[in-house]
Amino acid sequence: YNFYFLILFFRIVFADFFIMNLILWVKGSSAAIPFGTLVAILAMWFGISVPLTFVGAYFGFKEKPIEHPVRTNQIPRQIPEQSFFTKPLPGIIMGGILPFGCIFIQLFFILNSI
């Protein structure tokens, strides 16, 4: 199931890269990658990545399933009340402040210098 998503991802990436490189060829840019190099990259993917995926899947399915090392107790335990910081909304807010603040400060200085 995940293998199809992997193939779809690489198809999208390769198609996007090929179209951008095609535009560079049309414009006559020196940054364009030769067609032979693109074919070599595609051949390496089909010759290395795809077979290794199938070999890994084969050995993975031959292994016995993981057994969890614990037993569940039939007597239910009482779950303590969660603190304020372990609830979803405060965690989402606190987890978003740091990246937002970092990006905001960087963009502020970049746009002020322009």
Protein backbone atom coordinates (compact mmCIF):
# COMPACT_ATOMS: atom_id res chain seq x y z
CA TYR A 1 0.00 0.00 0.00
CA ASN A 2 2.76 2.47 0.93
CA PHE A 3 4.76 1.37 -2.10
CA TYR A 4 2.18 2.95 -4.42
CA PHE A 5 2.48 6.25 -2.61
CA LEU A 6 6.26 6.05 -2.93
CA ILE A 7 6.02 5.44 -6.67
CA LEU A 8 3.47 8.25 -7.02
CA PHE A 9 5.75 10.61 -5.09
CA PHE A 10 8.77 9.84 -7.26
CA ARG A 11 6.68 10.17 -10.43
CA ILE A 12 5.53 13.62 -9.37
CA VAL A 13 9.04 14.71 -8.40
CA PHE A 14 10.61 13.37 -11.60
CA ALA A 15 7.87 14.86 -13.81
CA ASP A 16 8.23 18.24 -12.10
CA PHE A 17 12.01 18.13 -12.45
CA PHE A 18 11.75 17.07 -16.10
CA ILE A 19 9.30 19.87 -16.96
CA MET A 20 11.46 22.50 -15.24
CA ASN A 21 14.52 21.15 -17.02
CA LEU A 22 12.61 21.20 -20.34
CA ILE A 23 11.86 24.88 -19.79
CA LEU A 24 15.57 25.49 -19.17
CA TRP A 25 16.40 23.65 -22.43
CA VAL A 26 13.96 25.82 -24.38
CA LYS A 27 15.43 28.99 -22.89
CA GLY A 28 18.96 27.80 -23.74
CA SER A 29 20.18 27.99 -20.16
CA SER A 30 23.52 26.53 -19.16
CA ALA A 31 21.89 25.24 -15.95
CA ALA A 32 19.89 22.62 -17.90
CA ILE A 33 20.84 19.01 -17.19
CA PRO A 34 21.62 16.85 -20.25
CA PHE A 35 19.01 14.30 -21.30
CA GLY A 36 21.46 11.42 -20.75
CA THR A 37 21.86 12.40 -17.12
CA LEU A 38 18.09 12.33 -16.62
CA VAL A 39 17.95 8.88 -18.19
CA ALA A 40 20.80 7.73 -15.93
CA ILE A 41 18.97 8.99 -12.82
CA LEU A 42 15.80 7.20 -13.91
CA ALA A 43 17.77 4.01 -14.62
CA MET A 44 19.42 4.18 -11.17
CA TRP A 45 16.00 4.53 -9.55
CA PHE A 46 14.56 1.57 -11.44
CA GLY A 47 17.76 -0.46 -11.05
CA ILE A 48 18.49 0.19 -7.37
CA SER A 49 15.57 1.65 -5.43
CA VAL A 50 12.71 -0.41 -6.85
CA PRO A 51 14.42 -3.83 -6.51
CA LEU A 52 15.59 -3.03 -2.98
CA THR A 53 12.02 -2.06 -2.07
CA PHE A 54 10.73 -5.42 -3.25
CA VAL A 55 13.54 -7.33 -1.52
CA GLY A 56 12.85 -5.47 1.73
CA ALA A 57 9.12 -6.17 1.44
CA TYR A 58 9.81 -9.87 0.80
CA PHE A 59 12.03 -10.25 3.88
CA GLY A 60 9.71 -8.08 5.96
CA PHE A 61 6.68 -10.23 5.21
CA LYS A 62 8.64 -13.42 5.97
CA GLU A 63 9.35 -12.25 9.52
CA LYS A 64 7.02 -13.25 12.30
CA PRO A 65 4.74 -10.51 13.66
CA ILE A 66 5.94 -8.37 16.54
CA GLU A 67 4.81 -9.62 19.92
CA HIS A 68 4.31 -6.93 22.52
CA PRO A 69 6.37 -7.62 25.66
CA VAL A 70 3.61 -6.67 28.14
CA ARG A 71 0.37 -8.20 29.31
CA THR A 72 -2.78 -6.19 29.86
CA ASN A 73 -4.29 -6.32 33.31
CA GLN A 74 -8.00 -7.15 33.65
CA ILE A 75 -8.39 -4.73 36.57
CA PRO A 76 -8.79 -1.18 35.19
CA ARG A 77 -6.65 1.54 36.74
CA GLN A 78 -7.84 5.04 37.43
CA ILE A 79 -6.38 7.57 35.00
CA PRO A 80 -5.29 10.77 36.77
CA GLU A 81 -6.61 14.14 35.63
CA GLN A 82 -4.52 15.75 32.91
CA SER A 83 -2.65 18.92 33.66
CA PHE A 84 -3.22 22.10 31.66
CA PHE A 85 -0.15 21.61 29.46
CA THR A 86 -1.10 18.12 28.29
CA LYS A 87 -4.46 19.14 26.80
CA PRO A 88 -4.60 19.50 23.00
CA LEU A 89 -5.38 23.21 22.54
CA PRO A 90 -2.59 24.62 24.76
CA GLY A 91 -0.15 22.14 23.21
CA ILE A 92 -1.08 23.26 19.70
CA ILE A 93 -0.75 26.92 20.62
CA MET A 94 2.59 26.47 22.41
CA GLY A 95 3.91 24.28 19.60
CA GLY A 96 3.07 26.93 17.02
CA ILE A 97 4.44 30.01 18.77
CA LEU A 98 8.12 29.07 18.42
CA PRO A 99 8.18 28.37 14.64
CA PHE A 100 5.89 31.33 13.92
CA GLY A 101 8.01 33.66 16.01
CA CYS A 102 11.23 32.48 14.36
CA ILE A 103 9.86 32.89 10.83
CA PHE A 104 8.24 36.23 11.68
CA ILE A 105 11.47 37.71 13.05
CA GLN A 106 13.50 36.50 10.06
CA LEU A 107 10.99 37.83 7.54
CA PHE A 108 10.76 41.11 9.45
CA PHE A 109 14.50 41.74 9.11
CA ILE A 110 14.62 40.52 5.49
CA LEU A 111 11.74 42.73 4.40
CA ASN A 112 13.10 45.73 6.34
CA SER A 113 16.41 45.42 4.51
CA ILE A 114 14.61 45.57 1.15
